[in-house]
Amino acid sequence: MKLLPQIIADFTHRFGAHLRLPEHRQLELYHRKKRVGFAPETGSDSLLPDLLPTLNAFMLLEGFLEARYPEIEGKTGWEAYQALPRKSDTDKVVAEIFRILRVLRTSVVSPLGHVMVEHGLIRTFVTHHQCALSITVSMPGLELLTSAVAWYLWAQGQPYPEAYVEAMLLGYFTEIVEEVKRFNDEDRVLYQFGHRLTLNRLQRLDLDSPKVSIEDGVCSFDIAKPFQNVARYPIDIYVAIDGALYIIPIEAAINGRIQAAELERWKARTGDKAELPHDFMLNFGREPVVVGQPMT
């Protein structure tokens, strides 16, 4: 049975995208740090398997941005970062994620780069074009960077409104910054962003049958009392109003109410049809009720 832990670890690694596992991140409540003991490391100390997903995420993001913005193609990493658009908060967050990943990639692939693990943190540094590039980040930080890129690229083909994508990416980035302990590049300081809306990115509950009413310019949703705890029930409301489909996170509807004038921000990206892509049917599976039919 000694192989069982390895089999479980391999299964989790290969099929992790289809699992619903809790995230583990460090929490420090006091200035005085107490550390638990750890067994000595065994086996290979190569970080390559841990870094590969994040490096691949940068490659995909870079390719996507070059295709969308041809003007950055052929530029150095720093020049490309500076040339990226900053028209929206989404643009700004994506640019900062690109910036962080560029430092990591440059440190890893450069013959002069160094990568090490120290006190449970991954440290990389390199001198590139006479500039010291370095980053110290936790393993959950790398996973958040990879996840943010994957979600952003996936969302490009989804019906979620731009305001939803913006809020989700801002949530990712806030947590990423918390996991980046040290950072240095040509500009040294990572940018911070204010939150217009904080979403629970860990779980979303899809609701496509809300009771809705519009009166005096206010759109109200009848949410049953047990589900009014936004932290416990982070609901995405899918609702068709006047022939248009909206996806409204419950965090944007204070006490289940949102100004009708605000609805346009949450209009789904579905073209002229107020319908979801066919794949979304799996989010709303239900068995038609047949009167008199037994449950078994």
C-alpha atoms as a PDB file:
ATOM      1  CA  MET A   1       0.000   0.000   0.000  1.00  0.00           C
ATOM      2  CA  LYS A   2       3.049   2.315  -0.091  1.00  0.00           C
ATOM      3  CA  LEU A   3       2.096   3.292  -3.645  1.00  0.00           C
ATOM      4  CA  LEU A   4      -1.387   4.439  -2.669  1.00  0.00           C
ATOM      5  CA  PRO A   5      -0.382   8.001  -1.637  1.00  0.00           C
ATOM      6  CA  GLN A   6       1.499   8.376  -4.938  1.00  0.00           C
ATOM      7  CA  ILE A   7      -1.491   7.076  -6.897  1.00  0.00           C
ATOM      8  CA  ILE A   8      -3.802   9.541  -5.133  1.00  0.00           C
ATOM      9  CA  ALA A   9      -1.382  12.427  -5.738  1.00  0.00           C
ATOM     10  CA  ASP A  10      -1.082  11.519  -9.424  1.00  0.00           C
ATOM     11  CA  PHE A  11      -4.866  11.261  -9.770  1.00  0.00           C
ATOM     12  CA  THR A  12      -5.338  14.673  -8.163  1.00  0.00           C
ATOM     13  CA  HIS A  13      -2.698  16.213 -10.428  1.00  0.00           C
ATOM     14  CA  ARG A  14      -4.115  14.730 -13.637  1.00  0.00           C
ATOM     15  CA  PHE A  15      -7.796  15.328 -12.938  1.00  0.00           C
ATOM     16  CA  GLY A  16      -7.624  18.338 -10.629  1.00  0.00           C
ATOM     17  CA  ALA A  17      -9.722  20.482 -12.964  1.00  0.00           C
ATOM     18  CA  HIS A  18     -12.686  18.177 -12.314  1.00  0.00           C
ATOM     19  CA  LEU A  19     -12.338  18.091  -8.531  1.00  0.00           C
ATOM     20  CA  ARG A  20     -13.775  20.434  -5.917  1.00  0.00           C
ATOM     21  CA  LEU A  21     -10.994  20.589  -3.372  1.00  0.00           C
ATOM     22  CA  PRO A  22     -10.462  23.217  -0.658  1.00  0.00           C
ATOM     23  CA  GLU A  23      -7.713  25.770  -1.172  1.00  0.00           C
ATOM     24  CA  HIS A  24      -4.959  26.011   1.441  1.00  0.00           C
ATOM     25  CA  ARG A  25      -3.248  29.341   2.026  1.00  0.00           C
ATOM     26  CA  GLN A  26      -1.189  30.587   4.945  1.00  0.00           C
ATOM     27  CA  LEU A  27      -2.770  32.873   7.517  1.00  0.00           C
ATOM     28  CA  GLU A  28      -0.681  34.915  10.004  1.00  0.00           C
ATOM     29  CA  LEU A  29      -2.543  36.488  12.901  1.00  0.00           C
ATOM     30  CA  TYR A  30       0.417  37.739  14.947  1.00  0.00           C
ATOM     31  CA  HIS A  31       3.675  39.589  14.359  1.00  0.00           C
ATOM     32  CA  ARG A  32       5.604  36.972  16.286  1.00  0.00           C
ATOM     33  CA  LYS A  33       5.917  34.050  13.911  1.00  0.00           C
ATOM     34  CA  LYS A  34       5.921  30.530  15.310  1.00  0.00           C
ATOM     35  CA  ARG A  35       6.835  27.762  12.930  1.00  0.00           C
ATOM     36  CA  VAL A  36       5.917  24.108  13.039  1.00  0.00           C
ATOM     37  CA  GLY A  37       8.579  21.520  12.349  1.00  0.00           C
ATOM     38  CA  PHE A  38       9.046  19.860   8.965  1.00  0.00           C
ATOM     39  CA  ALA A  39      10.611  16.581   7.944  1.00  0.00           C
ATOM     40  CA  PRO A  40      13.743  16.818   5.768  1.00  0.00           C
ATOM     41  CA  GLU A  41      13.225  16.885   2.022  1.00  0.00           C
ATOM     42  CA  THR A  42      13.530  13.617   0.153  1.00  0.00           C
ATOM     43  CA  GLY A  43      13.925  12.876  -3.535  1.00  0.00           C
ATOM     44  CA  SER A  44      14.470  15.393  -6.313  1.00  0.00           C
ATOM     45  CA  ASP A  45      14.400  19.084  -5.483  1.00  0.00           C
ATOM     46  CA  SER A  46      13.599  20.124  -9.051  1.00  0.00           C
ATOM     47  CA  LEU A  47      11.007  22.889  -9.214  1.00  0.00           C
ATOM     48  CA  LEU A  48      10.332  22.391 -12.918  1.00  0.00           C
ATOM     49  CA  PRO A  49       7.093  20.366 -12.523  1.00  0.00           C
ATOM     50  CA  ASP A  50       5.719  23.039 -10.158  1.00  0.00           C
ATOM     51  CA  LEU A  51       6.708  25.931 -12.430  1.00  0.00           C
ATOM     52  CA  LEU A  52       5.614  24.452 -15.759  1.00  0.00           C
ATOM     53  CA  PRO A  53       1.878  25.258 -15.446  1.00  0.00           C
ATOM     54  CA  THR A  54       2.652  28.898 -14.635  1.00  0.00           C
ATOM     55  CA  LEU A  55       5.216  29.185 -17.437  1.00  0.00           C
ATOM     56  CA  ASN A  56       2.705  27.690 -19.874  1.00  0.00           C
ATOM     57  CA  ALA A  57       0.092  30.167 -18.622  1.00  0.00           C
ATOM     58  CA  PHE A  58       2.425  33.042 -19.497  1.00  0.00           C
ATOM     59  CA  MET A  59       3.050  31.592 -22.951  1.00  0.00           C
ATOM     60  CA  LEU A  60      -0.702  31.356 -23.607  1.00  0.00           C
ATOM     61  CA  LEU A  61      -1.370  34.841 -22.250  1.00  0.00           C
ATOM     62  CA  GLU A  62       1.455  36.334 -24.292  1.00  0.00           C
ATOM     63  CA  GLY A  63       0.190  34.634 -27.459  1.00  0.00           C
ATOM     64  CA  PHE A  64      -3.383  35.784 -26.808  1.00  0.00           C
ATOM     65  CA  LEU A  65      -2.323  39.395 -26.199  1.00  0.00           C
ATOM     66  CA  GLU A  66      -0.089  39.466 -29.277  1.00  0.00           C
ATOM     67  CA  ALA A  67      -2.990  38.226 -31.400  1.00  0.00           C
ATOM     68  CA  ARG A  68      -5.365  40.815 -29.921  1.00  0.00           C
ATOM     69  CA  TYR A  69      -2.850  43.683 -29.958  1.00  0.00           C
ATOM     70  CA  PRO A  70      -0.476  43.204 -32.924  1.00  0.00           C
ATOM     71  CA  GLU A  71       1.430  46.342 -31.937  1.00  0.00           C
ATOM     72  CA  ILE A  72       3.142  44.504 -29.040  1.00  0.00           C
ATOM     73  CA  GLU A  73       4.468  41.675 -31.225  1.00  0.00           C
ATOM     74  CA  GLY A  74       8.248  41.716 -31.461  1.00  0.00           C
ATOM     75  CA  LYS A  75       8.718  43.997 -28.448  1.00  0.00           C
ATOM     76  CA  THR A  76      10.729  43.015 -25.384  1.00  0.00           C
ATOM     77  CA  GLY A  77       8.788  41.893 -22.329  1.00  0.00           C
ATOM     78  CA  TRP A  78       8.939  45.306 -20.657  1.00  0.00           C
ATOM     79  CA  GLU A  79       8.126  47.169 -23.873  1.00  0.00           C
ATOM     80  CA  ALA A  80       5.167  44.840 -24.474  1.00  0.00           C
ATOM     81  CA  TYR A  81       3.896  45.466 -20.948  1.00  0.00           C
ATOM     82  CA  GLN A  82       4.114  49.230 -21.433  1.00  0.00           C
ATOM     83  CA  ALA A  83       2.302  48.996 -24.792  1.00  0.00           C
ATOM     84  CA  LEU A  84      -0.653  47.014 -23.439  1.00  0.00           C
ATOM     85  CA  PRO A  85      -3.905  49.028 -23.312  1.00  0.00           C
ATOM     86  CA  ARG A  86      -5.206  50.439 -20.032  1.00  0.00           C
ATOM     87  CA  LYS A  87      -8.742  51.352 -21.090  1.00  0.00           C
ATOM     88  CA  SER A  88     -10.508  49.336 -18.390  1.00  0.00           C
ATOM     89  CA  ASP A  89      -9.745  47.787 -15.020  1.00  0.00           C
ATOM     90  CA  THR A  90      -9.663  44.403 -16.759  1.00  0.00           C
ATOM     91  CA  ASP A  91      -6.943  45.673 -19.096  1.00  0.00           C
ATOM     92  CA  LYS A  92      -4.949  47.005 -16.148  1.00  0.00           C
ATOM     93  CA  VAL A  93      -5.174  43.782 -14.145  1.00  0.00           C
ATOM     94  CA  VAL A  94      -4.230  41.638 -17.148  1.00  0.00           C
ATOM     95  CA  ALA A  95      -1.217  43.885 -17.751  1.00  0.00           C
ATOM     96  CA  GLU A  96      -0.069  43.452 -14.142  1.00  0.00           C
ATOM     97  CA  ILE A  97      -0.465  39.676 -14.308  1.00  0.00           C
ATOM     98  CA  PHE A  98       1.573  39.721 -17.540  1.00  0.00           C
ATOM     99  CA  ARG A  99       4.207  41.803 -15.755  1.00  0.00           C
ATOM    100  CA  ILE A 100       4.537  39.369 -12.832  1.00  0.00           C
ATOM    101  CA  LEU A 101       4.678  36.307 -15.088  1.00  0.00           C
ATOM    102  CA  ARG A 102       7.256  37.969 -17.336  1.00  0.00           C
ATOM    103  CA  VAL A 103       9.676  38.328 -14.386  1.00  0.00           C
ATOM    104  CA  LEU A 104       9.157  34.689 -13.429  1.00  0.00           C
ATOM    105  CA  ARG A 105       9.618  33.415 -16.999  1.00  0.00           C
ATOM    106  CA  THR A 106      12.713  35.527 -17.632  1.00  0.00           C
ATOM    107  CA  SER A 107      14.358  34.310 -14.417  1.00  0.00           C
ATOM    108  CA  VAL A 108      13.635  30.672 -15.227  1.00  0.00           C
ATOM    109  CA  VAL A 109      14.681  30.569 -18.888  1.00  0.00           C
ATOM    110  CA  SER A 110      17.736  32.833 -18.687  1.00  0.00           C
ATOM    111  CA  PRO A 111      21.114  31.031 -18.362  1.00  0.00           C
ATOM    112  CA  LEU A 112      21.964  33.614 -15.707  1.00  0.00           C
ATOM    113  CA  GLY A 113      18.741  33.142 -13.755  1.00  0.00           C
ATOM    114  CA  HIS A 114      18.421  31.523 -10.348  1.00  0.00           C
ATOM    115  CA  VAL A 115      15.466  29.651  -8.865  1.00  0.00           C
ATOM    116  CA  MET A 116      15.361  28.312  -5.321  1.00  0.00           C
ATOM    117  CA  VAL A 117      13.070  27.433  -2.450  1.00  0.00           C
ATOM    118  CA  GLU A 118      13.737  29.104   0.872  1.00  0.00           C
ATOM    119  CA  HIS A 119      11.500  29.033   3.952  1.00  0.00           C
ATOM    120  CA  GLY A 120       8.683  27.572   1.889  1.00  0.00           C
ATOM    121  CA  LEU A 121       8.795  30.385  -0.693  1.00  0.00           C
ATOM    122  CA  ILE A 122       9.929  30.249  -4.313  1.00  0.00           C
ATOM    123  CA  ARG A 123      12.591  32.844  -5.095  1.00  0.00           C
ATOM    124  CA  THR A 124      13.784  33.716  -8.589  1.00  0.00           C
ATOM    125  CA  PHE A 125      16.174  36.436  -9.716  1.00  0.00           C
ATOM    126  CA  VAL A 126      18.179  37.429 -12.780  1.00  0.00           C
ATOM    127  CA  THR A 127      19.913  40.486 -14.240  1.00  0.00           C
ATOM    128  CA  HIS A 128      18.227  41.254 -17.544  1.00  0.00           C
ATOM    129  CA  HIS A 129      19.133  44.220 -19.748  1.00  0.00           C
ATOM    130  CA  GLN A 130      21.036  45.737 -16.815  1.00  0.00           C
ATOM    131  CA  CYS A 131      17.965  45.504 -14.579  1.00  0.00           C
ATOM    132  CA  ALA A 132      17.563  43.227 -11.572  1.00  0.00           C
ATOM    133  CA  LEU A 133      14.401  41.143 -11.931  1.00  0.00           C
ATOM    134  CA  SER A 134      13.271  39.133  -8.938  1.00  0.00           C
ATOM    135  CA  ILE A 135      10.173  37.677  -7.368  1.00  0.00           C
ATOM    136  CA  THR A 136       9.500  35.843  -4.120  1.00  0.00           C
ATOM    137  CA  VAL A 137       6.147  34.090  -4.179  1.00  0.00           C
ATOM    138  CA  SER A 138       4.362  31.256  -2.423  1.00  0.00           C
ATOM    139  CA  MET A 139       3.232  28.108  -4.201  1.00  0.00           C
ATOM    140  CA  PRO A 140      -0.434  29.137  -3.814  1.00  0.00           C
ATOM    141  CA  GLY A 141       0.587  32.410  -5.456  1.00  0.00           C
ATOM    142  CA  LEU A 142       1.850  30.541  -8.514  1.00  0.00           C
ATOM    143  CA  GLU A 143      -1.381  28.545  -8.621  1.00  0.00           C
ATOM    144  CA  LEU A 144      -3.432  31.752  -8.396  1.00  0.00           C
ATOM    145  CA  LEU A 145      -1.446  33.295 -11.273  1.00  0.00           C
ATOM    146  CA  THR A 146      -2.025  30.200 -13.401  1.00  0.00           C
ATOM    147  CA  SER A 147      -5.706  30.086 -12.465  1.00  0.00           C
ATOM    148  CA  ALA A 148      -6.260  33.782 -13.192  1.00  0.00           C
ATOM    149  CA  VAL A 149      -4.828  33.409 -16.698  1.00  0.00           C
ATOM    150  CA  ALA A 150      -6.818  30.227 -17.356  1.00  0.00           C
ATOM    151  CA  TRP A 151     -10.079  31.823 -16.164  1.00  0.00           C
ATOM    152  CA  TYR A 152      -9.499  35.038 -18.122  1.00  0.00           C
ATOM    153  CA  LEU A 153      -8.777  33.203 -21.378  1.00  0.00           C
ATOM    154  CA  TRP A 154     -11.728  30.842 -20.820  1.00  0.00           C
ATOM    155  CA  ALA A 155     -14.055  33.767 -20.120  1.00  0.00           C
ATOM    156  CA  GLN A 156     -13.336  35.296 -23.537  1.00  0.00           C
ATOM    157  CA  GLY A 157     -15.715  32.794 -25.126  1.00  0.00           C
ATOM    158  CA  GLN A 158     -18.320  32.907 -22.355  1.00  0.00           C
ATOM    159  CA  PRO A 159     -21.433  35.074 -21.936  1.00  0.00           C
ATOM    160  CA  TYR A 160     -20.287  36.735 -18.702  1.00  0.00           C
ATOM    161  CA  PRO A 161     -20.541  40.539 -18.945  1.00  0.00           C
ATOM    162  CA  GLU A 162     -17.406  42.658 -18.827  1.00  0.00           C
ATOM    163  CA  ALA A 163     -18.260  43.906 -15.318  1.00  0.00           C
ATOM    164  CA  TYR A 164     -18.330  40.291 -14.092  1.00  0.00           C
ATOM    165  CA  VAL A 165     -14.957  39.485 -15.683  1.00  0.00           C
ATOM    166  CA  GLU A 166     -13.483  42.650 -14.176  1.00  0.00           C
ATOM    167  CA  ALA A 167     -14.700  41.807 -10.660  1.00  0.00           C
ATOM    168  CA  MET A 168     -13.471  38.221 -10.871  1.00  0.00           C
ATOM    169  CA  LEU A 169      -9.993  39.227 -12.084  1.00  0.00           C
ATOM    170  CA  LEU A 170      -9.713  41.911  -9.410  1.00  0.00           C
ATOM    171  CA  GLY A 171     -10.464  39.218  -6.833  1.00  0.00           C
ATOM    172  CA  TYR A 172      -7.743  37.001  -8.230  1.00  0.00           C
ATOM    173  CA  PHE A 173      -5.228  39.835  -8.375  1.00  0.00           C
ATOM    174  CA  THR A 174      -5.822  40.957  -4.787  1.00  0.00           C
ATOM    175  CA  GLU A 175      -5.031  37.453  -3.581  1.00  0.00           C
ATOM    176  CA  ILE A 176      -2.031  37.171  -5.918  1.00  0.00           C
ATOM    177  CA  VAL A 177      -0.494  40.335  -4.461  1.00  0.00           C
ATOM    178  CA  GLU A 178      -0.909  38.911  -0.966  1.00  0.00           C
ATOM    179  CA  GLU A 179       1.149  35.875  -2.016  1.00  0.00           C
ATOM    180  CA  VAL A 180       3.926  37.880  -3.718  1.00  0.00           C
ATOM    181  CA  LYS A 181       6.288  38.692  -0.864  1.00  0.00           C
ATOM    182  CA  ARG A 182       8.972  40.529  -2.843  1.00  0.00           C
ATOM    183  CA  PHE A 183       9.013  41.876  -6.379  1.00  0.00           C
ATOM    184  CA  ASN A 184      11.401  43.899  -8.481  1.00  0.00           C
ATOM    185  CA  ASP A 185      11.471  44.921 -12.127  1.00  0.00           C
ATOM    186  CA  GLU A 186      11.962  48.143 -14.088  1.00  0.00           C
ATOM    187  CA  ASP A 187       9.160  49.854 -12.124  1.00  0.00           C
ATOM    188  CA  ARG A 188       9.591  47.917  -8.855  1.00  0.00           C
ATOM    189  CA  VAL A 189       6.135  48.446  -7.295  1.00  0.00           C
ATOM    190  CA  LEU A 190       3.079  46.406  -8.263  1.00  0.00           C
ATOM    191  CA  TYR A 191      -0.043  48.460  -8.804  1.00  0.00           C
ATOM    192  CA  GLN A 192      -3.019  48.159  -6.486  1.00  0.00           C
ATOM    193  CA  PHE A 193      -6.655  48.453  -7.507  1.00  0.00           C
ATOM    194  CA  GLY A 194      -9.745  49.528  -5.653  1.00  0.00           C
ATOM    195  CA  HIS A 195     -12.721  47.168  -5.682  1.00  0.00           C
ATOM    196  CA  ARG A 196     -16.082  48.359  -6.880  1.00  0.00           C
ATOM    197  CA  LEU A 197     -17.370  44.857  -6.204  1.00  0.00           C
ATOM    198  CA  THR A 198     -15.906  41.864  -4.390  1.00  0.00           C
ATOM    199  CA  LEU A 199     -16.967  38.457  -5.703  1.00  0.00           C
ATOM    200  CA  ASN A 200     -16.545  35.079  -4.049  1.00  0.00           C
ATOM    201  CA  ARG A 201     -14.354  33.496  -6.735  1.00  0.00           C
ATOM    202  CA  LEU A 202     -14.204  30.121  -4.970  1.00  0.00           C
ATOM    203  CA  GLN A 203     -17.836  29.236  -5.552  1.00  0.00           C
ATOM    204  CA  ARG A 204     -20.711  30.543  -7.651  1.00  0.00           C
ATOM    205  CA  LEU A 205     -24.293  29.283  -7.420  1.00  0.00           C
ATOM    206  CA  ASP A 206     -26.265  29.633 -10.658  1.00  0.00           C
ATOM    207  CA  LEU A 207     -29.933  30.647 -10.358  1.00  0.00           C
ATOM    208  CA  ASP A 208     -32.040  30.805 -13.526  1.00  0.00           C
ATOM    209  CA  SER A 209     -35.519  30.971 -12.008  1.00  0.00           C
ATOM    210  CA  PRO A 210     -35.598  34.165  -9.909  1.00  0.00           C
ATOM    211  CA  LYS A 211     -38.754  35.997  -8.968  1.00  0.00           C
ATOM    212  CA  VAL A 212     -38.130  39.535 -10.217  1.00  0.00           C
ATOM    213  CA  SER A 213     -40.042  42.802 -10.174  1.00  0.00           C
ATOM    214  CA  ILE A 214     -39.203  46.307 -11.412  1.00  0.00           C
ATOM    215  CA  GLU A 215     -40.780  49.297  -9.711  1.00  0.00           C
ATOM    216  CA  ASP A 216     -39.732  52.960  -9.423  1.00  0.00           C
ATOM    217  CA  GLY A 217     -36.486  52.277 -11.283  1.00  0.00           C
ATOM    218  CA  VAL A 218     -35.425  49.474  -8.935  1.00  0.00           C
ATOM    219  CA  CYS A 219     -35.076  45.821  -9.917  1.00  0.00           C
ATOM    220  CA  SER A 220     -35.850  43.509  -6.982  1.00  0.00           C
ATOM    221  CA  PHE A 221     -35.176  39.788  -6.658  1.00  0.00           C
ATOM    222  CA  ASP A 222     -37.111  37.661  -4.212  1.00  0.00           C
ATOM    223  CA  ILE A 223     -34.389  35.622  -2.513  1.00  0.00           C
ATOM    224  CA  ALA A 224     -35.648  33.219   0.147  1.00  0.00           C
ATOM    225  CA  LYS A 225     -34.402  34.136   3.617  1.00  0.00           C
ATOM    226  CA  PRO A 226     -32.134  31.061   4.093  1.00  0.00           C
ATOM    227  CA  PHE A 227     -30.189  32.127   0.967  1.00  0.00           C
ATOM    228  CA  GLN A 228     -29.759  35.818   1.786  1.00  0.00           C
ATOM    229  CA  ASN A 229     -26.348  35.277   3.384  1.00  0.00           C
ATOM    230  CA  VAL A 230     -24.186  36.473   0.477  1.00  0.00           C
ATOM    231  CA  ALA A 231     -20.971  35.049   1.908  1.00  0.00           C
ATOM    232  CA  ARG A 232     -22.471  31.564   2.190  1.00  0.00           C
ATOM    233  CA  TYR A 233     -24.593  31.679  -0.963  1.00  0.00           C
ATOM    234  CA  PRO A 234     -22.730  33.625  -3.687  1.00  0.00           C
ATOM    235  CA  ILE A 235     -25.484  33.477  -6.289  1.00  0.00           C
ATOM    236  CA  ASP A 236     -25.268  34.422  -9.956  1.00  0.00           C
ATOM    237  CA  ILE A 237     -28.755  35.444 -11.106  1.00  0.00           C
ATOM    238  CA  TYR A 238     -29.580  34.622 -14.731  1.00  0.00           C
ATOM    239  CA  VAL A 239     -32.639  36.586 -15.738  1.00  0.00           C
ATOM    240  CA  ALA A 240     -34.281  37.697 -18.999  1.00  0.00           C
ATOM    241  CA  ILE A 241     -35.828  41.176 -18.904  1.00  0.00           C
ATOM    242  CA  ASP A 242     -37.426  42.817 -21.941  1.00  0.00           C
ATOM    243  CA  GLY A 243     -35.857  40.294 -24.292  1.00  0.00           C
ATOM    244  CA  ALA A 244     -32.303  40.688 -22.945  1.00  0.00           C
ATOM    245  CA  LEU A 245     -30.376  38.244 -20.764  1.00  0.00           C
ATOM    246  CA  TYR A 246     -28.508  39.452 -17.694  1.00  0.00           C
ATOM    247  CA  ILE A 247     -26.034  37.699 -15.376  1.00  0.00           C
ATOM    248  CA  ILE A 248     -26.067  39.553 -12.077  1.00  0.00           C
ATOM    249  CA  PRO A 249     -23.918  38.491  -9.123  1.00  0.00           C
ATOM    250  CA  ILE A 250     -25.836  38.760  -5.884  1.00  0.00           C
ATOM    251  CA  GLU A 251     -23.016  40.895  -4.471  1.00  0.00           C
ATOM    252  CA  ALA A 252     -24.106  43.629  -6.921  1.00  0.00           C
ATOM    253  CA  ALA A 253     -27.736  43.500  -5.718  1.00  0.00           C
ATOM    254  CA  ILE A 254     -27.760  45.027  -2.249  1.00  0.00           C
ATOM    255  CA  ASN A 255     -30.471  43.250  -0.251  1.00  0.00           C
ATOM    256  CA  GLY A 256     -31.633  41.716  -3.513  1.00  0.00           C
ATOM    257  CA  ARG A 257     -32.148  45.118  -5.147  1.00  0.00           C
ATOM    258  CA  ILE A 258     -30.310  46.826  -7.994  1.00  0.00           C
ATOM    259  CA  GLN A 259     -31.005  50.047  -9.842  1.00  0.00           C
ATOM    260  CA  ALA A 260     -32.588  49.333 -13.216  1.00  0.00           C
ATOM    261  CA  ALA A 261     -30.130  51.795 -14.733  1.00  0.00           C
ATOM    262  CA  GLU A 262     -27.304  49.477 -13.589  1.00  0.00           C
ATOM    263  CA  LEU A 263     -28.653  46.448 -15.443  1.00  0.00           C
ATOM    264  CA  GLU A 264     -26.809  47.317 -18.653  1.00  0.00           C
ATOM    265  CA  ARG A 265     -23.468  46.597 -16.927  1.00  0.00           C
ATOM    266  CA  TRP A 266     -24.618  43.020 -16.393  1.00  0.00           C
ATOM    267  CA  LYS A 267     -25.990  42.297 -19.846  1.00  0.00           C
ATOM    268  CA  ALA A 268     -24.760  38.881 -20.996  1.00  0.00           C
ATOM    269  CA  ARG A 269     -22.549  38.697 -24.063  1.00  0.00           C
ATOM    270  CA  THR A 270     -24.865  36.528 -26.139  1.00  0.00           C
ATOM    271  CA  GLY A 271     -25.262  38.620 -29.284  1.00  0.00           C
ATOM    272  CA  ASP A 272     -28.816  39.233 -30.421  1.00  0.00           C
ATOM    273  CA  LYS A 273     -30.233  36.126 -28.762  1.00  0.00           C
ATOM    274  CA  ALA A 274     -31.163  36.074 -25.078  1.00  0.00           C
ATOM    275  CA  GLU A 275     -29.961  32.513 -24.644  1.00  0.00           C
ATOM    276  CA  LEU A 276     -26.949  30.814 -23.109  1.00  0.00           C
ATOM    277  CA  PRO A 277     -24.484  28.581 -24.962  1.00  0.00           C
ATOM    278  CA  HIS A 278     -25.562  24.955 -25.103  1.00  0.00           C
ATOM    279  CA  ASP A 279     -22.791  23.886 -22.680  1.00  0.00           C
ATOM    280  CA  PHE A 280     -24.463  25.910 -19.925  1.00  0.00           C
ATOM    281  CA  MET A 281     -27.285  23.371 -19.854  1.00  0.00           C
ATOM    282  CA  LEU A 282     -25.077  21.273 -17.562  1.00  0.00           C
ATOM    283  CA  ASN A 283     -25.194  24.121 -15.021  1.00  0.00           C
ATOM    284  CA  PHE A 284     -28.976  23.960 -14.825  1.00  0.00           C
ATOM    285  CA  GLY A 285     -29.828  20.280 -15.038  1.00  0.00           C
ATOM    286  CA  ARG A 286     -33.266  19.390 -13.782  1.00  0.00           C
ATOM    287  CA  GLU A 287     -35.657  16.477 -14.134  1.00  0.00           C
ATOM    288  CA  PRO A 288     -39.115  17.354 -15.511  1.00  0.00           C
ATOM    289  CA  VAL A 289     -41.793  16.677 -12.914  1.00  0.00           C
ATOM    290  CA  VAL A 290     -44.370  14.061 -13.966  1.00  0.00           C
ATOM    291  CA  VAL A 291     -47.396  13.882 -11.684  1.00  0.00           C
ATOM    292  CA  GLY A 292     -47.862  10.414 -10.213  1.00  0.00           C
ATOM    293  CA  GLN A 293     -44.456   9.127 -11.297  1.00  0.00           C
ATOM    294  CA  PRO A 294     -42.542   7.416  -8.488  1.00  0.00           C
ATOM    295  CA  MET A 295     -39.058   8.621  -7.595  1.00  0.00           C
ATOM    296  CA  THR A 296     -37.501   5.191  -8.206  1.00  0.00           C
END
